[in-house]
Amino acid sequence: MTYVFRCRSCSHEFEMTATVAEYESRKVPACPRCGREEARRVYTPILVMTGAGTKGEASGGAAGGCGCGGSCSCGH
């Protein structure tokens, strides 16, 4: 998996590729720009393509294709 971090000291964003086990066993990674160990993980949105629909929409869900039930304002 690829994990994204942002340094709290210099605001530089960087990635770390590791298995889940490797990620959980490591300490906070040092920022490659300033070297400080003040990085925090940035949680990025994901898109899951199911093959249903013609534009990558997920099938099912209460809001006509979206599983959020209309709470995410995606238009479905």
C-alpha atoms as a PDB file:
ATOM      1  CA  MET A   1       0.000   0.000   0.000  1.00  0.00           C
ATOM      2  CA  THR A   2       1.028   3.591  -0.466  1.00  0.00           C
ATOM      3  CA  TYR A   3       0.687   5.875   2.547  1.00  0.00           C
ATOM      4  CA  VAL A   4       0.720   9.671   2.231  1.00  0.00           C
ATOM      5  CA  PHE A   5       2.220  11.868   4.950  1.00  0.00           C
ATOM      6  CA  ARG A   6       2.499  15.622   5.557  1.00  0.00           C
ATOM      7  CA  CYS A   7       5.294  17.062   7.659  1.00  0.00           C
ATOM      8  CA  ARG A   8       3.982  19.266  10.458  1.00  0.00           C
ATOM      9  CA  SER A   9       7.221  21.236  10.425  1.00  0.00           C
ATOM     10  CA  CYS A  10       7.668  22.173   6.732  1.00  0.00           C
ATOM     11  CA  SER A  11       4.284  21.024   5.234  1.00  0.00           C
ATOM     12  CA  HIS A  12       6.008  18.791   2.669  1.00  0.00           C
ATOM     13  CA  GLU A  13       3.835  15.870   1.488  1.00  0.00           C
ATOM     14  CA  PHE A  14       5.505  12.558   0.733  1.00  0.00           C
ATOM     15  CA  GLU A  15       4.620   8.904   0.214  1.00  0.00           C
ATOM     16  CA  MET A  16       5.761   5.679   1.803  1.00  0.00           C
ATOM     17  CA  THR A  17       5.105   2.294   0.194  1.00  0.00           C
ATOM     18  CA  ALA A  18       4.842  -0.608   2.648  1.00  0.00           C
ATOM     19  CA  THR A  19       2.745  -3.615   3.517  1.00  0.00           C
ATOM     20  CA  VAL A  20       0.212  -3.143   6.302  1.00  0.00           C
ATOM     21  CA  ALA A  21       2.469  -5.110   8.679  1.00  0.00           C
ATOM     22  CA  GLU A  22       5.507  -2.969   7.785  1.00  0.00           C
ATOM     23  CA  TYR A  23       3.513   0.252   8.218  1.00  0.00           C
ATOM     24  CA  GLU A  24       2.181  -0.776  11.629  1.00  0.00           C
ATOM     25  CA  SER A  25       5.634  -1.806  12.898  1.00  0.00           C
ATOM     26  CA  ARG A  26       7.425   1.417  11.871  1.00  0.00           C
ATOM     27  CA  LYS A  27       7.764   4.633  13.788  1.00  0.00           C
ATOM     28  CA  VAL A  28       6.720   7.950  12.244  1.00  0.00           C
ATOM     29  CA  PRO A  29       8.757   8.402   9.044  1.00  0.00           C
ATOM     30  CA  ALA A  30      11.229  11.265   8.826  1.00  0.00           C
ATOM     31  CA  CYS A  31      10.429  13.995   6.321  1.00  0.00           C
ATOM     32  CA  PRO A  32      12.689  13.673   3.267  1.00  0.00           C
ATOM     33  CA  ARG A  33      12.872  17.489   2.969  1.00  0.00           C
ATOM     34  CA  CYS A  34      13.680  18.657   6.517  1.00  0.00           C
ATOM     35  CA  GLY A  35      14.517  15.352   8.249  1.00  0.00           C
ATOM     36  CA  ARG A  36      12.184  15.885  11.192  1.00  0.00           C
ATOM     37  CA  GLU A  37      10.016  13.069  12.503  1.00  0.00           C
ATOM     38  CA  GLU A  38       6.878  15.192  12.725  1.00  0.00           C
ATOM     39  CA  ALA A  39       4.910  13.711   9.851  1.00  0.00           C
ATOM     40  CA  ARG A  40       1.244  12.838  10.141  1.00  0.00           C
ATOM     41  CA  ARG A  41      -0.660  10.548   7.825  1.00  0.00           C
ATOM     42  CA  VAL A  42      -2.932  12.206   5.264  1.00  0.00           C
ATOM     43  CA  TYR A  43      -6.060  10.184   4.578  1.00  0.00           C
ATOM     44  CA  THR A  44      -6.904  10.441   0.903  1.00  0.00           C
ATOM     45  CA  PRO A  45     -10.230   9.514  -0.699  1.00  0.00           C
ATOM     46  CA  ILE A  46     -10.431   6.325  -2.712  1.00  0.00           C
ATOM     47  CA  LEU A  47     -12.529   5.351  -5.710  1.00  0.00           C
ATOM     48  CA  VAL A  48     -13.663   1.752  -6.085  1.00  0.00           C
ATOM     49  CA  MET A  49     -14.499   0.791  -9.647  1.00  0.00           C
ATOM     50  CA  THR A  50     -16.937  -2.123  -9.775  1.00  0.00           C
ATOM     51  CA  GLY A  51     -17.561  -2.347 -13.503  1.00  0.00           C
ATOM     52  CA  ALA A  52     -21.268  -1.588 -13.018  1.00  0.00           C
ATOM     53  CA  GLY A  53     -22.653   1.421 -14.831  1.00  0.00           C
ATOM     54  CA  THR A  54     -21.064   3.271 -17.725  1.00  0.00           C
ATOM     55  CA  LYS A  55     -19.053   5.938 -15.888  1.00  0.00           C
ATOM     56  CA  GLY A  56     -17.650   3.964 -12.970  1.00  0.00           C
ATOM     57  CA  GLU A  57     -20.669   4.372 -10.710  1.00  0.00           C
ATOM     58  CA  ALA A  58     -21.146   1.704  -8.081  1.00  0.00           C
ATOM     59  CA  SER A  59     -24.351  -0.269  -8.361  1.00  0.00           C
ATOM     60  CA  GLY A  60     -26.903  -0.458  -5.588  1.00  0.00           C
ATOM     61  CA  GLY A  61     -27.269   1.921  -2.698  1.00  0.00           C
ATOM     62  CA  ALA A  62     -30.227   3.975  -1.620  1.00  0.00           C
ATOM     63  CA  ALA A  63     -29.359   7.008  -3.713  1.00  0.00           C
ATOM     64  CA  GLY A  64     -29.453   5.524  -7.204  1.00  0.00           C
ATOM     65  CA  GLY A  65     -25.947   4.106  -7.390  1.00  0.00           C
ATOM     66  CA  CYS A  66     -24.138   5.671  -4.457  1.00  0.00           C
ATOM     67  CA  GLY A  67     -23.867   3.791  -1.182  1.00  0.00           C
ATOM     68  CA  CYS A  68     -23.917   6.981   0.878  1.00  0.00           C
ATOM     69  CA  GLY A  69     -27.681   7.311   0.921  1.00  0.00           C
ATOM     70  CA  GLY A  70     -27.395  10.838  -0.470  1.00  0.00           C
ATOM     71  CA  SER A  71     -25.260  12.239   2.355  1.00  0.00           C
ATOM     72  CA  CYS A  72     -22.125  12.881   0.276  1.00  0.00           C
ATOM     73  CA  SER A  73     -23.767  15.225  -2.261  1.00  0.00           C
ATOM     74  CA  CYS A  74     -22.257  13.342  -5.185  1.00  0.00           C
ATOM     75  CA  GLY A  75     -25.412  13.758  -7.237  1.00  0.00           C
ATOM     76  CA  HIS A  76     -26.559  10.131  -7.207  1.00  0.00           C
END
